[in-house]
Amino acid sequence: MGEIFAWGGALDAMPLLVKGMVTTLQITALAVVVGIVWGTLLAMMRLSGVAPLKWFADMYVNVFRSIPLLMVLLWFFLIVPQVLRSLLDVPPTWDIRMVSALVAFSLFEAAYYSEIIRAGIQSVSRGQMSAAFALGMSYWQAMGLVVLPQAFRNMVPLLLTQGIILFQDTSLVYAIALSDFFGMAYSVGQRDGTLPAMIVFAGAVYFVICFTVSMLVKRLQKRLAK
């Protein structure tokens, strides 16, 4: 049991672990931003009533929500390098695992953010949209200026919660040999013969971060409810 909690090696490997955490946070932050932006557009397309847009958005969301994230990550790891090398003449020696991970996570998370945002838009009274139309606004203007600001206020806790889930899911980048926080902890454990301890240590770090953010989200949710 003592070997599992022998975390002394984590202090010596802290520069590597910090480097891995930076990678994890970079993937999380960019995927959240791109996911929300693209997810908002998808949600608006699904609610627009324009058949081609609605069909495309429905298909996109249903496809990505029906495929495991690990499989999507592997797909983009195989596809993105080929596309970049053919379009930008990227040399084969250039490491583009990070780009592949960012593309995969961003597009995958957009499908989930789209559902959250669509529900948030539908939570806004239809009278708001009618009033915007009465003022001469187009559908996209009414959405951007009237509905979305109100919807996002209601959606903040759910969006942050999805961000926590995304932060946890970034550990899957081990499948493409990208060294995030978990990947670094695993490598250090294998190198030093302290793999059980490092895995438990990584889990403890994930728990502390996610639990802390979850408590902050709950406080924010209570404040918004007042």
C-alpha atoms as a PDB file:
ATOM      1  CA  MET A   1       0.000   0.000   0.000  1.00  0.00           C
ATOM      2  CA  GLY A   2       2.891   2.344   0.777  1.00  0.00           C
ATOM      3  CA  GLU A   3       4.148   2.097  -2.801  1.00  0.00           C
ATOM      4  CA  ILE A   4       0.849   3.443  -4.122  1.00  0.00           C
ATOM      5  CA  PHE A   5       1.211   6.655  -2.139  1.00  0.00           C
ATOM      6  CA  ALA A   6       4.972   7.045  -2.629  1.00  0.00           C
ATOM      7  CA  TRP A   7       4.647  10.363  -4.432  1.00  0.00           C
ATOM      8  CA  GLY A   8       8.142  11.626  -3.724  1.00  0.00           C
ATOM      9  CA  GLY A   9       9.133  11.020  -7.341  1.00  0.00           C
ATOM     10  CA  ALA A  10       6.417  13.427  -8.478  1.00  0.00           C
ATOM     11  CA  LEU A  11       8.361  16.323  -6.943  1.00  0.00           C
ATOM     12  CA  ASP A  12      11.499  15.459  -8.902  1.00  0.00           C
ATOM     13  CA  ALA A  13       9.451  15.114 -12.092  1.00  0.00           C
ATOM     14  CA  MET A  14       7.434  18.292 -11.500  1.00  0.00           C
ATOM     15  CA  PRO A  15       8.840  20.172 -14.547  1.00  0.00           C
ATOM     16  CA  LEU A  16       7.684  17.336 -16.811  1.00  0.00           C
ATOM     17  CA  LEU A  17       4.310  17.121 -15.084  1.00  0.00           C
ATOM     18  CA  VAL A  18       3.803  20.872 -15.386  1.00  0.00           C
ATOM     19  CA  LYS A  19       4.655  20.668 -19.077  1.00  0.00           C
ATOM     20  CA  GLY A  20       2.077  17.923 -19.454  1.00  0.00           C
ATOM     21  CA  MET A  21      -0.537  19.954 -17.584  1.00  0.00           C
ATOM     22  CA  VAL A  22       0.094  22.902 -19.913  1.00  0.00           C
ATOM     23  CA  THR A  23      -0.662  20.627 -22.870  1.00  0.00           C
ATOM     24  CA  THR A  24      -3.842  19.403 -21.160  1.00  0.00           C
ATOM     25  CA  LEU A  25      -5.017  22.950 -20.456  1.00  0.00           C
ATOM     26  CA  GLN A  26      -4.202  24.097 -23.991  1.00  0.00           C
ATOM     27  CA  ILE A  27      -6.321  21.324 -25.501  1.00  0.00           C
ATOM     28  CA  THR A  28      -9.140  22.005 -23.027  1.00  0.00           C
ATOM     29  CA  ALA A  29      -9.190  25.776 -23.522  1.00  0.00           C
ATOM     30  CA  LEU A  30      -9.090  25.736 -27.311  1.00  0.00           C
ATOM     31  CA  ALA A  31     -11.621  22.895 -27.590  1.00  0.00           C
ATOM     32  CA  VAL A  32     -14.004  24.775 -25.273  1.00  0.00           C
ATOM     33  CA  VAL A  33     -13.745  28.009 -27.274  1.00  0.00           C
ATOM     34  CA  VAL A  34     -14.032  26.394 -30.709  1.00  0.00           C
ATOM     35  CA  GLY A  35     -16.647  23.952 -29.445  1.00  0.00           C
ATOM     36  CA  ILE A  36     -18.879  26.734 -28.106  1.00  0.00           C
ATOM     37  CA  VAL A  37     -18.531  28.891 -31.226  1.00  0.00           C
ATOM     38  CA  TRP A  38     -19.128  26.027 -33.666  1.00  0.00           C
ATOM     39  CA  GLY A  39     -21.742  24.503 -31.377  1.00  0.00           C
ATOM     40  CA  THR A  40     -23.648  27.805 -31.315  1.00  0.00           C
ATOM     41  CA  LEU A  41     -23.734  27.894 -35.106  1.00  0.00           C
ATOM     42  CA  LEU A  42     -24.905  24.286 -35.212  1.00  0.00           C
ATOM     43  CA  ALA A  43     -27.664  25.006 -32.694  1.00  0.00           C
ATOM     44  CA  MET A  44     -28.836  28.020 -34.684  1.00  0.00           C
ATOM     45  CA  MET A  45     -28.859  25.957 -37.876  1.00  0.00           C
ATOM     46  CA  ARG A  46     -30.951  23.259 -36.206  1.00  0.00           C
ATOM     47  CA  LEU A  47     -33.487  25.860 -35.080  1.00  0.00           C
ATOM     48  CA  SER A  48     -33.444  28.001 -38.231  1.00  0.00           C
ATOM     49  CA  GLY A  49     -36.047  26.050 -40.180  1.00  0.00           C
ATOM     50  CA  VAL A  50     -33.839  26.148 -43.311  1.00  0.00           C
ATOM     51  CA  ALA A  51     -33.972  22.525 -44.439  1.00  0.00           C
ATOM     52  CA  PRO A  52     -30.384  22.084 -45.791  1.00  0.00           C
ATOM     53  CA  LEU A  53     -28.844  23.744 -42.718  1.00  0.00           C
ATOM     54  CA  LYS A  54     -31.049  21.802 -40.332  1.00  0.00           C
ATOM     55  CA  TRP A  55     -30.263  18.529 -42.101  1.00  0.00           C
ATOM     56  CA  PHE A  56     -26.523  19.182 -42.011  1.00  0.00           C
ATOM     57  CA  ALA A  57     -26.537  20.180 -38.322  1.00  0.00           C
ATOM     58  CA  ASP A  58     -28.721  17.212 -37.333  1.00  0.00           C
ATOM     59  CA  MET A  59     -26.447  14.793 -39.163  1.00  0.00           C
ATOM     60  CA  TYR A  60     -23.282  16.360 -37.689  1.00  0.00           C
ATOM     61  CA  VAL A  61     -24.538  16.232 -34.104  1.00  0.00           C
ATOM     62  CA  ASN A  62     -25.946  12.722 -34.365  1.00  0.00           C
ATOM     63  CA  VAL A  63     -22.791  11.333 -35.983  1.00  0.00           C
ATOM     64  CA  PHE A  64     -20.374  12.777 -33.428  1.00  0.00           C
ATOM     65  CA  ARG A  65     -22.604  11.882 -30.477  1.00  0.00           C
ATOM     66  CA  SER A  66     -22.789   8.277 -31.707  1.00  0.00           C
ATOM     67  CA  ILE A  67     -19.040   7.667 -32.066  1.00  0.00           C
ATOM     68  CA  PRO A  68     -16.586   7.117 -29.181  1.00  0.00           C
ATOM     69  CA  LEU A  69     -14.223  10.031 -28.622  1.00  0.00           C
ATOM     70  CA  LEU A  70     -11.201   7.730 -28.771  1.00  0.00           C
ATOM     71  CA  MET A  71     -12.194   6.611 -32.258  1.00  0.00           C
ATOM     72  CA  VAL A  72     -12.655  10.220 -33.405  1.00  0.00           C
ATOM     73  CA  LEU A  73      -9.239  11.088 -31.999  1.00  0.00           C
ATOM     74  CA  LEU A  74      -7.617   8.245 -33.915  1.00  0.00           C
ATOM     75  CA  TRP A  75      -9.440   9.186 -37.116  1.00  0.00           C
ATOM     76  CA  PHE A  76      -8.207  12.748 -37.023  1.00  0.00           C
ATOM     77  CA  PHE A  77      -4.722  11.599 -36.060  1.00  0.00           C
ATOM     78  CA  LEU A  78      -4.660   9.650 -39.320  1.00  0.00           C
ATOM     79  CA  ILE A  79      -6.495  12.219 -41.478  1.00  0.00           C
ATOM     80  CA  VAL A  80      -5.218  15.640 -40.380  1.00  0.00           C
ATOM     81  CA  PRO A  81      -1.512  14.922 -41.086  1.00  0.00           C
ATOM     82  CA  GLN A  82      -2.336  13.770 -44.611  1.00  0.00           C
ATOM     83  CA  VAL A  83      -4.454  16.876 -45.307  1.00  0.00           C
ATOM     84  CA  LEU A  84      -1.834  19.288 -43.955  1.00  0.00           C
ATOM     85  CA  ARG A  85       0.967  17.615 -45.859  1.00  0.00           C
ATOM     86  CA  SER A  86      -0.950  17.716 -49.119  1.00  0.00           C
ATOM     87  CA  LEU A  87      -2.242  21.300 -48.746  1.00  0.00           C
ATOM     88  CA  LEU A  88       0.655  22.999 -46.942  1.00  0.00           C
ATOM     89  CA  ASP A  89       3.539  20.770 -47.962  1.00  0.00           C
ATOM     90  CA  VAL A  90       4.309  20.002 -44.317  1.00  0.00           C
ATOM     91  CA  PRO A  91       7.441  17.851 -43.961  1.00  0.00           C
ATOM     92  CA  PRO A  92       6.842  14.276 -42.702  1.00  0.00           C
ATOM     93  CA  THR A  93       9.152  14.928 -39.749  1.00  0.00           C
ATOM     94  CA  TRP A  94       6.916  17.707 -38.345  1.00  0.00           C
ATOM     95  CA  ASP A  95       5.029  16.575 -35.216  1.00  0.00           C
ATOM     96  CA  ILE A  96       1.378  17.487 -35.713  1.00  0.00           C
ATOM     97  CA  ARG A  97      -0.122  15.308 -32.989  1.00  0.00           C
ATOM     98  CA  MET A  98      -1.158  18.447 -31.105  1.00  0.00           C
ATOM     99  CA  VAL A  99      -2.974  19.816 -34.152  1.00  0.00           C
ATOM    100  CA  SER A 100      -4.742  16.493 -34.648  1.00  0.00           C
ATOM    101  CA  ALA A 101      -5.853  16.428 -31.009  1.00  0.00           C
ATOM    102  CA  LEU A 102      -7.099  20.018 -31.105  1.00  0.00           C
ATOM    103  CA  VAL A 103      -9.129  19.429 -34.269  1.00  0.00           C
ATOM    104  CA  ALA A 104     -10.622  16.184 -32.957  1.00  0.00           C
ATOM    105  CA  PHE A 105     -11.593  17.540 -29.542  1.00  0.00           C
ATOM    106  CA  SER A 106     -12.951  20.814 -30.921  1.00  0.00           C
ATOM    107  CA  LEU A 107     -15.200  19.209 -33.527  1.00  0.00           C
ATOM    108  CA  PHE A 108     -16.305  16.433 -31.182  1.00  0.00           C
ATOM    109  CA  GLU A 109     -17.183  18.762 -28.305  1.00  0.00           C
ATOM    110  CA  ALA A 110     -19.097  21.088 -30.637  1.00  0.00           C
ATOM    111  CA  ALA A 111     -21.757  18.392 -31.010  1.00  0.00           C
ATOM    112  CA  TYR A 112     -22.316  18.294 -27.241  1.00  0.00           C
ATOM    113  CA  TYR A 113     -22.157  22.056 -26.817  1.00  0.00           C
ATOM    114  CA  SER A 114     -24.686  22.344 -29.631  1.00  0.00           C
ATOM    115  CA  GLU A 115     -27.252  20.377 -27.635  1.00  0.00           C
ATOM    116  CA  ILE A 116     -26.648  22.478 -24.526  1.00  0.00           C
ATOM    117  CA  ILE A 117     -26.920  25.718 -26.485  1.00  0.00           C
ATOM    118  CA  ARG A 118     -30.008  24.567 -28.366  1.00  0.00           C
ATOM    119  CA  ALA A 119     -31.729  23.808 -25.056  1.00  0.00           C
ATOM    120  CA  GLY A 120     -30.622  27.209 -23.731  1.00  0.00           C
ATOM    121  CA  ILE A 121     -32.062  28.991 -26.770  1.00  0.00           C
ATOM    122  CA  GLN A 122     -35.351  27.134 -26.391  1.00  0.00           C
ATOM    123  CA  SER A 123     -35.506  28.173 -22.739  1.00  0.00           C
ATOM    124  CA  VAL A 124     -35.850  31.816 -23.810  1.00  0.00           C
ATOM    125  CA  SER A 125     -39.449  32.950 -24.247  1.00  0.00           C
ATOM    126  CA  ARG A 126     -40.645  32.904 -27.855  1.00  0.00           C
ATOM    127  CA  GLY A 127     -41.998  36.383 -27.255  1.00  0.00           C
ATOM    128  CA  GLN A 128     -38.413  37.666 -27.318  1.00  0.00           C
ATOM    129  CA  MET A 129     -37.965  36.437 -30.872  1.00  0.00           C
ATOM    130  CA  SER A 130     -41.351  37.819 -31.913  1.00  0.00           C
ATOM    131  CA  ALA A 131     -40.464  41.204 -30.457  1.00  0.00           C
ATOM    132  CA  ALA A 132     -37.159  41.190 -32.348  1.00  0.00           C
ATOM    133  CA  PHE A 133     -38.955  40.383 -35.611  1.00  0.00           C
ATOM    134  CA  ALA A 134     -41.421  43.199 -34.893  1.00  0.00           C
ATOM    135  CA  LEU A 135     -38.452  45.581 -34.715  1.00  0.00           C
ATOM    136  CA  GLY A 136     -37.368  44.489 -38.191  1.00  0.00           C
ATOM    137  CA  MET A 137     -34.523  42.180 -37.209  1.00  0.00           C
ATOM    138  CA  SER A 138     -33.600  39.134 -39.268  1.00  0.00           C
ATOM    139  CA  TYR A 139     -33.449  35.667 -37.737  1.00  0.00           C
ATOM    140  CA  TRP A 140     -29.672  35.836 -37.274  1.00  0.00           C
ATOM    141  CA  GLN A 141     -29.818  39.364 -35.830  1.00  0.00           C
ATOM    142  CA  ALA A 142     -32.539  38.359 -33.377  1.00  0.00           C
ATOM    143  CA  MET A 143     -30.516  35.357 -32.308  1.00  0.00           C
ATOM    144  CA  GLY A 144     -27.255  37.244 -31.886  1.00  0.00           C
ATOM    145  CA  LEU A 145     -28.593  40.395 -30.246  1.00  0.00           C
ATOM    146  CA  VAL A 146     -31.618  39.243 -28.272  1.00  0.00           C
ATOM    147  CA  VAL A 147     -31.880  35.492 -27.702  1.00  0.00           C
ATOM    148  CA  LEU A 148     -28.280  34.292 -27.322  1.00  0.00           C
ATOM    149  CA  PRO A 149     -27.255  36.813 -24.611  1.00  0.00           C
ATOM    150  CA  GLN A 150     -30.159  35.632 -22.458  1.00  0.00           C
ATOM    151  CA  ALA A 151     -29.602  31.969 -23.312  1.00  0.00           C
ATOM    152  CA  PHE A 152     -25.903  32.023 -22.461  1.00  0.00           C
ATOM    153  CA  ARG A 153     -26.648  33.427 -19.026  1.00  0.00           C
ATOM    154  CA  ASN A 154     -28.796  30.370 -18.358  1.00  0.00           C
ATOM    155  CA  MET A 155     -26.279  27.994 -19.917  1.00  0.00           C
ATOM    156  CA  VAL A 156     -23.091  29.055 -18.120  1.00  0.00           C
ATOM    157  CA  PRO A 157     -23.172  26.279 -15.469  1.00  0.00           C
ATOM    158  CA  LEU A 158     -23.814  23.564 -18.070  1.00  0.00           C
ATOM    159  CA  LEU A 159     -21.122  24.904 -20.383  1.00  0.00           C
ATOM    160  CA  LEU A 160     -18.600  24.898 -17.539  1.00  0.00           C
ATOM    161  CA  THR A 161     -19.630  21.391 -16.502  1.00  0.00           C
ATOM    162  CA  GLN A 162     -19.045  20.169 -20.057  1.00  0.00           C
ATOM    163  CA  GLY A 163     -15.645  21.863 -19.886  1.00  0.00           C
ATOM    164  CA  ILE A 164     -14.817  19.772 -16.807  1.00  0.00           C
ATOM    165  CA  ILE A 165     -15.763  16.605 -18.681  1.00  0.00           C
ATOM    166  CA  LEU A 166     -13.573  17.710 -21.580  1.00  0.00           C
ATOM    167  CA  PHE A 167     -10.651  18.322 -19.201  1.00  0.00           C
ATOM    168  CA  GLN A 168     -10.974  14.723 -18.002  1.00  0.00           C
ATOM    169  CA  ASP A 169     -11.306  13.360 -21.532  1.00  0.00           C
ATOM    170  CA  THR A 170      -8.025  14.927 -22.643  1.00  0.00           C
ATOM    171  CA  SER A 171      -6.252  11.990 -21.006  1.00  0.00           C
ATOM    172  CA  LEU A 172      -7.275   9.984 -24.091  1.00  0.00           C
ATOM    173  CA  VAL A 173      -4.521  11.659 -26.116  1.00  0.00           C
ATOM    174  CA  TYR A 174      -2.246   8.873 -24.868  1.00  0.00           C
ATOM    175  CA  ALA A 175      -3.658   6.936 -27.824  1.00  0.00           C
ATOM    176  CA  ILE A 176      -1.730   9.165 -30.218  1.00  0.00           C
ATOM    177  CA  ALA A 177       1.366   9.318 -27.978  1.00  0.00           C
ATOM    178  CA  LEU A 178       0.820  12.974 -27.058  1.00  0.00           C
ATOM    179  CA  SER A 179       2.256  13.748 -23.639  1.00  0.00           C
ATOM    180  CA  ASP A 180      -0.452  15.490 -21.645  1.00  0.00           C
ATOM    181  CA  PHE A 181      -0.472  15.486 -17.832  1.00  0.00           C
ATOM    182  CA  PHE A 182      -1.607  11.880 -17.530  1.00  0.00           C
ATOM    183  CA  GLY A 183       0.775  10.786 -20.272  1.00  0.00           C
ATOM    184  CA  MET A 184       3.705  12.459 -18.524  1.00  0.00           C
ATOM    185  CA  ALA A 185       2.755  10.899 -15.183  1.00  0.00           C
ATOM    186  CA  TYR A 186       2.531   7.482 -16.817  1.00  0.00           C
ATOM    187  CA  SER A 187       5.909   7.899 -18.526  1.00  0.00           C
ATOM    188  CA  VAL A 188       7.584   9.041 -15.301  1.00  0.00           C
ATOM    189  CA  GLY A 189       6.083   6.089 -13.439  1.00  0.00           C
ATOM    190  CA  GLN A 190       7.376   3.628 -16.035  1.00  0.00           C
ATOM    191  CA  ARG A 191      10.795   5.248 -16.049  1.00  0.00           C
ATOM    192  CA  ASP A 192      11.212   5.262 -12.261  1.00  0.00           C
ATOM    193  CA  GLY A 193       9.387   2.019 -11.500  1.00  0.00           C
ATOM    194  CA  THR A 194       6.661   3.880  -9.575  1.00  0.00           C
ATOM    195  CA  LEU A 195       3.798   3.440 -12.033  1.00  0.00           C
ATOM    196  CA  PRO A 196       1.042   2.668  -9.471  1.00  0.00           C
ATOM    197  CA  ALA A 197       2.016   5.694  -7.366  1.00  0.00           C
ATOM    198  CA  MET A 198       2.125   8.048 -10.344  1.00  0.00           C
ATOM    199  CA  ILE A 199      -1.247   6.870 -11.649  1.00  0.00           C
ATOM    200  CA  VAL A 200      -2.812   7.444  -8.223  1.00  0.00           C
ATOM    201  CA  PHE A 201      -1.074  10.827  -8.030  1.00  0.00           C
ATOM    202  CA  ALA A 202      -2.430  11.837 -11.445  1.00  0.00           C
ATOM    203  CA  GLY A 203      -5.912  10.744 -10.403  1.00  0.00           C
ATOM    204  CA  ALA A 204      -5.643  12.809  -7.230  1.00  0.00           C
ATOM    205  CA  VAL A 205      -4.650  15.898  -9.219  1.00  0.00           C
ATOM    206  CA  TYR A 206      -7.559  15.432 -11.627  1.00  0.00           C
ATOM    207  CA  PHE A 207      -9.907  14.977  -8.674  1.00  0.00           C
ATOM    208  CA  VAL A 208      -8.757  18.126  -6.874  1.00  0.00           C
ATOM    209  CA  ILE A 209      -9.030  20.273  -9.996  1.00  0.00           C
ATOM    210  CA  CYS A 210     -12.392  18.906 -11.142  1.00  0.00           C
ATOM    211  CA  PHE A 211     -13.915  18.913  -7.654  1.00  0.00           C
ATOM    212  CA  THR A 212     -12.815  22.502  -7.032  1.00  0.00           C
ATOM    213  CA  VAL A 213     -14.187  23.737 -10.342  1.00  0.00           C
ATOM    214  CA  SER A 214     -17.426  21.788  -9.765  1.00  0.00           C
ATOM    215  CA  MET A 215     -17.925  23.535  -6.418  1.00  0.00           C
ATOM    216  CA  LEU A 216     -17.348  26.913  -8.077  1.00  0.00           C
ATOM    217  CA  VAL A 217     -19.871  26.023 -10.779  1.00  0.00           C
ATOM    218  CA  LYS A 218     -22.458  25.135  -8.107  1.00  0.00           C
ATOM    219  CA  ARG A 219     -21.910  28.465  -6.369  1.00  0.00           C
ATOM    220  CA  LEU A 220     -22.262  30.271  -9.674  1.00  0.00           C
ATOM    221  CA  GLN A 221     -25.438  28.347 -10.438  1.00  0.00           C
ATOM    222  CA  LYS A 222     -26.955  29.360  -7.096  1.00  0.00           C
ATOM    223  CA  ARG A 223     -25.993  32.983  -7.687  1.00  0.00           C
ATOM    224  CA  LEU A 224     -27.552  33.015 -11.147  1.00  0.00           C
ATOM    225  CA  ALA A 225     -30.725  31.414  -9.759  1.00  0.00           C
ATOM    226  CA  LYS A 226     -31.283  34.302  -7.330  1.00  0.00           C
END
